[in-house]
Amino acid sequence: MTASETRGTAAAVPTVAYVLSLIAGVLIVLNGLLLIAAGATLGIALFDGGAAFGIVGVILGAGMVYAATRIDARPAEHVGWGAAIIIVSTVSLVLVGGGFILGFILGLVGGIMAIAWRP
């Protein structure tokens, strides 16, 4: 049974994990865009590398959004995509502030829920 055939049932897709991971990815992208703007406009020592870290944040956030859409589109691969979300969340926390910390927390919870999800 494919994902498109099981879309009619709520238990066929890890919806909560998908939504939490998607929100986390958006927050990380926003955090990256803020770092880019701060690095480009302020130009002070604190934000010298802000633009470079901001680009990394946008890439990490986009990767998390992609992983979240894969959880929704291919629920059978939930463990791998959940692990990817946890890894991206942790890396984003270290490099770009984790999407205002809230993105990290939502990504971590979403990734754990994706791994633990059972149809």
N, C-alpha and C. Protein backbone atom coordinates (compact mmCIF):
# COMPACT_ATOMS: atom_id res chain seq x y z
N MET A 1 0.84 -1.17 0.00
CA MET A 1 0.00 0.00 0.00
C MET A 1 0.90 1.24 0.00
N THR A 2 0.66 2.15 -0.92
CA THR A 2 1.49 3.35 -1.03
C THR A 2 0.95 4.45 -0.13
N ALA A 3 1.76 5.49 0.04
CA ALA A 3 1.36 6.61 0.90
C ALA A 3 0.11 7.30 0.35
N SER A 4 -0.02 7.38 -0.97
CA SER A 4 -1.19 8.05 -1.54
C SER A 4 -2.46 7.24 -1.30
N GLU A 5 -2.34 5.93 -1.18
CA GLU A 5 -3.51 5.10 -0.90
C GLU A 5 -3.92 5.19 0.56
N THR A 6 -3.00 5.50 1.44
CA THR A 6 -3.32 5.53 2.87
C THR A 6 -3.61 6.94 3.39
N ARG A 7 -3.63 7.93 2.53
CA ARG A 7 -3.83 9.31 2.96
C ARG A 7 -5.18 9.52 3.65
N GLY A 8 -6.16 8.72 3.38
CA GLY A 8 -7.48 8.92 3.95
C GLY A 8 -7.55 8.65 5.44
N THR A 9 -6.60 7.92 5.98
CA THR A 9 -6.64 7.60 7.40
C THR A 9 -5.64 8.45 8.16
N ALA A 10 -6.05 8.93 9.33
CA ALA A 10 -5.22 9.83 10.12
C ALA A 10 -3.98 9.12 10.66
N ALA A 11 -4.09 7.84 10.96
CA ALA A 11 -2.97 7.11 11.55
C ALA A 11 -1.93 6.68 10.52
N ALA A 12 -2.21 6.88 9.23
CA ALA A 12 -1.31 6.42 8.18
C ALA A 12 -0.09 7.32 8.00
N VAL A 13 -0.14 8.53 8.52
CA VAL A 13 0.95 9.49 8.37
C VAL A 13 1.25 10.11 9.73
N PRO A 14 2.53 10.23 10.10
CA PRO A 14 2.87 10.85 11.39
C PRO A 14 2.69 12.37 11.34
N THR A 15 1.45 12.82 11.42
CA THR A 15 1.09 14.21 11.21
C THR A 15 1.73 15.16 12.22
N VAL A 16 1.72 14.80 13.49
CA VAL A 16 2.28 15.69 14.52
C VAL A 16 3.78 15.86 14.30
N ALA A 17 4.47 14.78 14.00
CA ALA A 17 5.91 14.86 13.74
C ALA A 17 6.18 15.73 12.52
N TYR A 18 5.35 15.59 11.51
CA TYR A 18 5.49 16.39 10.29
C TYR A 18 5.32 17.88 10.58
N VAL A 19 4.25 18.22 11.29
CA VAL A 19 3.96 19.63 11.57
C VAL A 19 5.05 20.25 12.45
N LEU A 20 5.44 19.56 13.51
CA LEU A 20 6.48 20.10 14.39
C LEU A 20 7.80 20.30 13.64
N SER A 21 8.16 19.33 12.82
CA SER A 21 9.42 19.44 12.06
C SER A 21 9.34 20.54 11.01
N LEU A 22 8.19 20.70 10.40
CA LEU A 22 8.01 21.75 9.40
C LEU A 22 8.13 23.13 10.05
N ILE A 23 7.47 23.33 11.18
CA ILE A 23 7.57 24.61 11.90
C ILE A 23 9.02 24.86 12.32
N ALA A 24 9.69 23.83 12.80
CA ALA A 24 11.09 23.97 13.21
C ALA A 24 11.95 24.41 12.03
N GLY A 25 11.75 23.80 10.88
CA GLY A 25 12.51 24.17 9.69
C GLY A 25 12.29 25.61 9.29
N VAL A 26 11.05 26.06 9.36
CA VAL A 26 10.73 27.45 9.02
C VAL A 26 11.41 28.41 10.01
N LEU A 27 11.39 28.06 11.29
CA LEU A 27 12.05 28.91 12.29
C LEU A 27 13.56 28.98 12.06
N ILE A 28 14.16 27.87 11.67
CA ILE A 28 15.60 27.87 11.40
C ILE A 28 15.92 28.70 10.16
N VAL A 29 15.08 28.63 9.14
CA VAL A 29 15.27 29.47 7.95
C VAL A 29 15.17 30.95 8.35
N LEU A 30 14.17 31.30 9.15
CA LEU A 30 14.01 32.69 9.60
C LEU A 30 15.21 33.15 10.42
N ASN A 31 15.72 32.28 11.28
CA ASN A 31 16.91 32.60 12.06
C ASN A 31 18.10 32.85 11.14
N GLY A 32 18.25 32.03 10.12
CA GLY A 32 19.33 32.22 9.15
C GLY A 32 19.19 33.52 8.38
N LEU A 33 17.96 33.85 7.97
CA LEU A 33 17.74 35.11 7.26
C LEU A 33 18.04 36.31 8.15
N LEU A 34 17.71 36.20 9.43
CA LEU A 34 18.03 37.28 10.36
C LEU A 34 19.54 37.45 10.52
N LEU A 35 20.26 36.34 10.58
CA LEU A 35 21.72 36.43 10.66
C LEU A 35 22.32 37.04 9.40
N ILE A 36 21.77 36.71 8.25
CA ILE A 36 22.24 37.30 7.00
C ILE A 36 22.01 38.81 7.02
N ALA A 37 20.81 39.23 7.43
CA ALA A 37 20.49 40.65 7.47
C ALA A 37 21.37 41.38 8.48
N ALA A 38 21.59 40.79 9.64
CA ALA A 38 22.43 41.42 10.66
C ALA A 38 23.87 41.52 10.19
N GLY A 39 24.37 40.47 9.57
CA GLY A 39 25.74 40.50 9.08
C GLY A 39 25.93 41.48 7.95
N ALA A 40 24.91 41.65 7.12
CA ALA A 40 25.03 42.55 5.98
C ALA A 40 24.85 44.02 6.37
N THR A 41 24.02 44.29 7.37
CA THR A 41 23.73 45.68 7.70
C THR A 41 24.57 46.23 8.85
N LEU A 42 24.79 45.45 9.86
CA LEU A 42 25.50 45.97 11.03
C LEU A 42 27.00 46.02 10.82
N GLY A 43 27.56 44.94 10.30
CA GLY A 43 28.97 44.91 9.99
C GLY A 43 29.89 45.10 11.19
N ILE A 44 29.40 44.89 12.38
CA ILE A 44 30.26 45.01 13.56
C ILE A 44 30.92 43.67 13.83
N ALA A 45 31.89 43.66 14.70
CA ALA A 45 32.69 42.46 14.94
C ALA A 45 31.85 41.26 15.34
N LEU A 46 30.79 41.49 16.10
CA LEU A 46 29.95 40.39 16.56
C LEU A 46 29.26 39.68 15.39
N PHE A 47 28.93 40.43 14.35
CA PHE A 47 28.18 39.86 13.24
C PHE A 47 29.00 39.73 11.96
N ASP A 48 30.33 39.81 12.05
CA ASP A 48 31.15 39.69 10.85
C ASP A 48 30.88 38.40 10.09
N GLY A 49 30.79 37.30 10.79
CA GLY A 49 30.51 36.02 10.14
C GLY A 49 29.04 35.71 10.07
N GLY A 50 28.21 36.68 10.45
CA GLY A 50 26.76 36.45 10.50
C GLY A 50 26.17 36.05 9.18
N ALA A 51 26.62 36.69 8.10
CA ALA A 51 26.06 36.36 6.80
C ALA A 51 26.40 34.93 6.40
N ALA A 52 27.63 34.51 6.66
CA ALA A 52 28.03 33.14 6.31
C ALA A 52 27.26 32.12 7.16
N PHE A 53 27.14 32.40 8.46
CA PHE A 53 26.37 31.49 9.31
C PHE A 53 24.89 31.53 8.94
N GLY A 54 24.42 32.68 8.51
CA GLY A 54 23.03 32.80 8.08
C GLY A 54 22.73 31.93 6.87
N ILE A 55 23.65 31.89 5.94
CA ILE A 55 23.47 31.04 4.75
C ILE A 55 23.43 29.58 5.17
N VAL A 56 24.30 29.20 6.10
CA VAL A 56 24.27 27.84 6.62
C VAL A 56 22.92 27.56 7.28
N GLY A 57 22.40 28.54 8.02
CA GLY A 57 21.10 28.38 8.68
C GLY A 57 19.97 28.18 7.69
N VAL A 58 19.99 28.95 6.61
CA VAL A 58 18.95 28.79 5.58
C VAL A 58 19.04 27.40 4.95
N ILE A 59 20.25 26.94 4.68
CA ILE A 59 20.42 25.60 4.09
C ILE A 59 19.95 24.52 5.06
N LEU A 60 20.32 24.64 6.34
CA LEU A 60 19.87 23.66 7.33
C LEU A 60 18.35 23.67 7.48
N GLY A 61 17.77 24.86 7.52
CA GLY A 61 16.31 24.96 7.64
C GLY A 61 15.60 24.37 6.44
N ALA A 62 16.14 24.64 5.25
CA ALA A 62 15.55 24.06 4.04
C ALA A 62 15.66 22.54 4.06
N GLY A 63 16.78 22.03 4.56
CA GLY A 63 16.94 20.58 4.69
C GLY A 63 15.94 19.99 5.65
N MET A 64 15.65 20.71 6.73
CA MET A 64 14.67 20.20 7.69
C MET A 64 13.26 20.24 7.10
N VAL A 65 12.94 21.29 6.37
CA VAL A 65 11.64 21.35 5.70
C VAL A 65 11.51 20.19 4.72
N TYR A 66 12.57 19.90 3.97
CA TYR A 66 12.55 18.78 3.03
C TYR A 66 12.34 17.46 3.77
N ALA A 67 13.07 17.26 4.88
CA ALA A 67 12.91 16.02 5.65
C ALA A 67 11.49 15.89 6.19
N ALA A 68 10.91 17.00 6.62
CA ALA A 68 9.53 16.96 7.12
C ALA A 68 8.56 16.56 6.01
N THR A 69 8.78 17.09 4.81
CA THR A 69 7.88 16.72 3.71
C THR A 69 8.06 15.25 3.32
N ARG A 70 9.25 14.72 3.50
CA ARG A 70 9.48 13.29 3.22
C ARG A 70 8.76 12.41 4.24
N ILE A 71 8.69 12.87 5.50
CA ILE A 71 7.94 12.12 6.51
C ILE A 71 6.48 12.04 6.10
N ASP A 72 5.95 13.13 5.57
CA ASP A 72 4.55 13.16 5.16
C ASP A 72 4.32 12.36 3.89
N ALA A 73 5.26 12.44 2.95
CA ALA A 73 5.07 11.78 1.66
C ALA A 73 5.40 10.28 1.71
N ARG A 74 6.37 9.90 2.54
CA ARG A 74 6.80 8.51 2.62
C ARG A 74 6.88 8.07 4.08
N PRO A 75 5.73 7.81 4.69
CA PRO A 75 5.73 7.45 6.11
C PRO A 75 6.50 6.16 6.42
N ALA A 76 6.70 5.30 5.44
CA ALA A 76 7.45 4.07 5.69
C ALA A 76 8.91 4.37 6.01
N GLU A 77 9.42 5.53 5.61
CA GLU A 77 10.82 5.91 5.85
C GLU A 77 10.94 6.85 7.05
N HIS A 78 9.98 6.78 7.97
CA HIS A 78 9.92 7.72 9.09
C HIS A 78 11.14 7.68 10.00
N VAL A 79 11.75 6.52 10.17
CA VAL A 79 12.90 6.41 11.09
C VAL A 79 14.10 7.18 10.54
N GLY A 80 14.42 6.99 9.29
CA GLY A 80 15.56 7.67 8.68
C GLY A 80 15.39 9.18 8.63
N TRP A 81 14.19 9.63 8.23
CA TRP A 81 13.94 11.07 8.16
C TRP A 81 13.85 11.68 9.55
N GLY A 82 13.33 10.94 10.52
CA GLY A 82 13.31 11.43 11.90
C GLY A 82 14.72 11.61 12.44
N ALA A 83 15.61 10.66 12.14
CA ALA A 83 17.00 10.78 12.56
C ALA A 83 17.67 11.97 11.87
N ALA A 84 17.37 12.18 10.60
CA ALA A 84 17.93 13.33 9.88
C ALA A 84 17.48 14.65 10.51
N ILE A 85 16.23 14.71 10.93
CA ILE A 85 15.70 15.92 11.56
C ILE A 85 16.40 16.18 12.89
N ILE A 86 16.63 15.14 13.66
CA ILE A 86 17.34 15.31 14.94
C ILE A 86 18.76 15.81 14.70
N ILE A 87 19.44 15.26 13.71
CA ILE A 87 20.81 15.68 13.41
C ILE A 87 20.84 17.14 12.94
N VAL A 88 19.93 17.50 12.03
CA VAL A 88 19.89 18.88 11.53
C VAL A 88 19.55 19.85 12.65
N SER A 89 18.64 19.46 13.54
CA SER A 89 18.28 20.31 14.67
C SER A 89 19.48 20.58 15.56
N THR A 90 20.24 19.53 15.85
CA THR A 90 21.40 19.68 16.72
C THR A 90 22.48 20.54 16.07
N VAL A 91 22.73 20.31 14.80
CA VAL A 91 23.73 21.11 14.08
C VAL A 91 23.29 22.57 14.01
N SER A 92 22.00 22.80 13.78
CA SER A 92 21.52 24.18 13.70
C SER A 92 21.64 24.89 15.05
N LEU A 93 21.48 24.16 16.13
CA LEU A 93 21.64 24.78 17.45
C LEU A 93 23.08 25.25 17.65
N VAL A 94 24.02 24.43 17.24
CA VAL A 94 25.44 24.75 17.42
C VAL A 94 25.87 25.89 16.50
N LEU A 95 25.42 25.88 15.25
CA LEU A 95 25.93 26.84 14.26
C LEU A 95 25.14 28.14 14.17
N VAL A 96 23.82 28.07 14.28
CA VAL A 96 23.01 29.27 14.01
C VAL A 96 21.98 29.58 15.08
N GLY A 97 22.07 28.98 16.22
CA GLY A 97 21.13 29.30 17.28
C GLY A 97 19.87 28.46 17.28
N GLY A 98 19.78 27.48 16.42
CA GLY A 98 18.69 26.53 16.44
C GLY A 98 17.32 27.09 16.15
N GLY A 99 17.22 28.12 15.35
CA GLY A 99 15.90 28.68 15.05
C GLY A 99 15.29 29.31 16.28
N PHE A 100 16.05 30.21 16.90
CA PHE A 100 15.63 30.91 18.12
C PHE A 100 15.40 29.93 19.26
N ILE A 101 16.14 28.86 19.33
CA ILE A 101 16.07 27.77 20.30
C ILE A 101 14.78 26.97 20.14
N LEU A 102 13.67 27.64 19.88
CA LEU A 102 12.38 26.95 19.72
C LEU A 102 12.42 26.00 18.53
N GLY A 103 13.08 26.39 17.45
CA GLY A 103 13.20 25.52 16.29
C GLY A 103 13.94 24.24 16.62
N PHE A 104 14.99 24.37 17.43
CA PHE A 104 15.73 23.18 17.86
C PHE A 104 14.83 22.26 18.67
N ILE A 105 14.10 22.82 19.62
CA ILE A 105 13.24 22.01 20.49
C ILE A 105 12.14 21.33 19.68
N LEU A 106 11.48 22.08 18.80
CA LEU A 106 10.43 21.48 17.98
C LEU A 106 10.98 20.43 17.03
N GLY A 107 12.16 20.67 16.46
CA GLY A 107 12.78 19.69 15.58
C GLY A 107 13.17 18.43 16.32
N LEU A 108 13.70 18.60 17.53
CA LEU A 108 14.08 17.45 18.33
C LEU A 108 12.85 16.61 18.68
N VAL A 109 11.80 17.26 19.15
CA VAL A 109 10.56 16.54 19.49
C VAL A 109 9.94 15.91 18.25
N GLY A 110 9.90 16.67 17.15
CA GLY A 110 9.34 16.13 15.90
C GLY A 110 10.12 14.94 15.39
N GLY A 111 11.45 15.01 15.45
CA GLY A 111 12.27 13.88 15.01
C GLY A 111 12.07 12.65 15.88
N ILE A 112 12.00 12.86 17.19
CA ILE A 112 11.76 11.73 18.10
C ILE A 112 10.39 11.13 17.85
N MET A 113 9.38 11.99 17.64
CA MET A 113 8.04 11.47 17.36
C MET A 113 7.99 10.73 16.03
N ALA A 114 8.76 11.19 15.06
CA ALA A 114 8.80 10.49 13.77
C ALA A 114 9.42 9.11 13.92
N ILE A 115 10.49 9.02 14.70
CA ILE A 115 11.13 7.73 14.93
C ILE A 115 10.22 6.78 15.70
N ALA A 116 9.53 7.30 16.71
CA ALA A 116 8.70 6.47 17.57
C ALA A 116 7.33 6.15 16.97
N TRP A 117 6.96 6.81 15.89
CA TRP A 117 5.63 6.65 15.31
C TRP A 117 5.40 5.22 14.83
N ARG A 118 4.20 4.73 15.10
CA ARG A 118 3.76 3.41 14.61
C ARG A 118 2.44 3.57 13.89
N PRO A 119 2.31 2.97 12.71
CA PRO A 119 1.04 3.09 11.97
C PRO A 119 -0.10 2.36 12.66
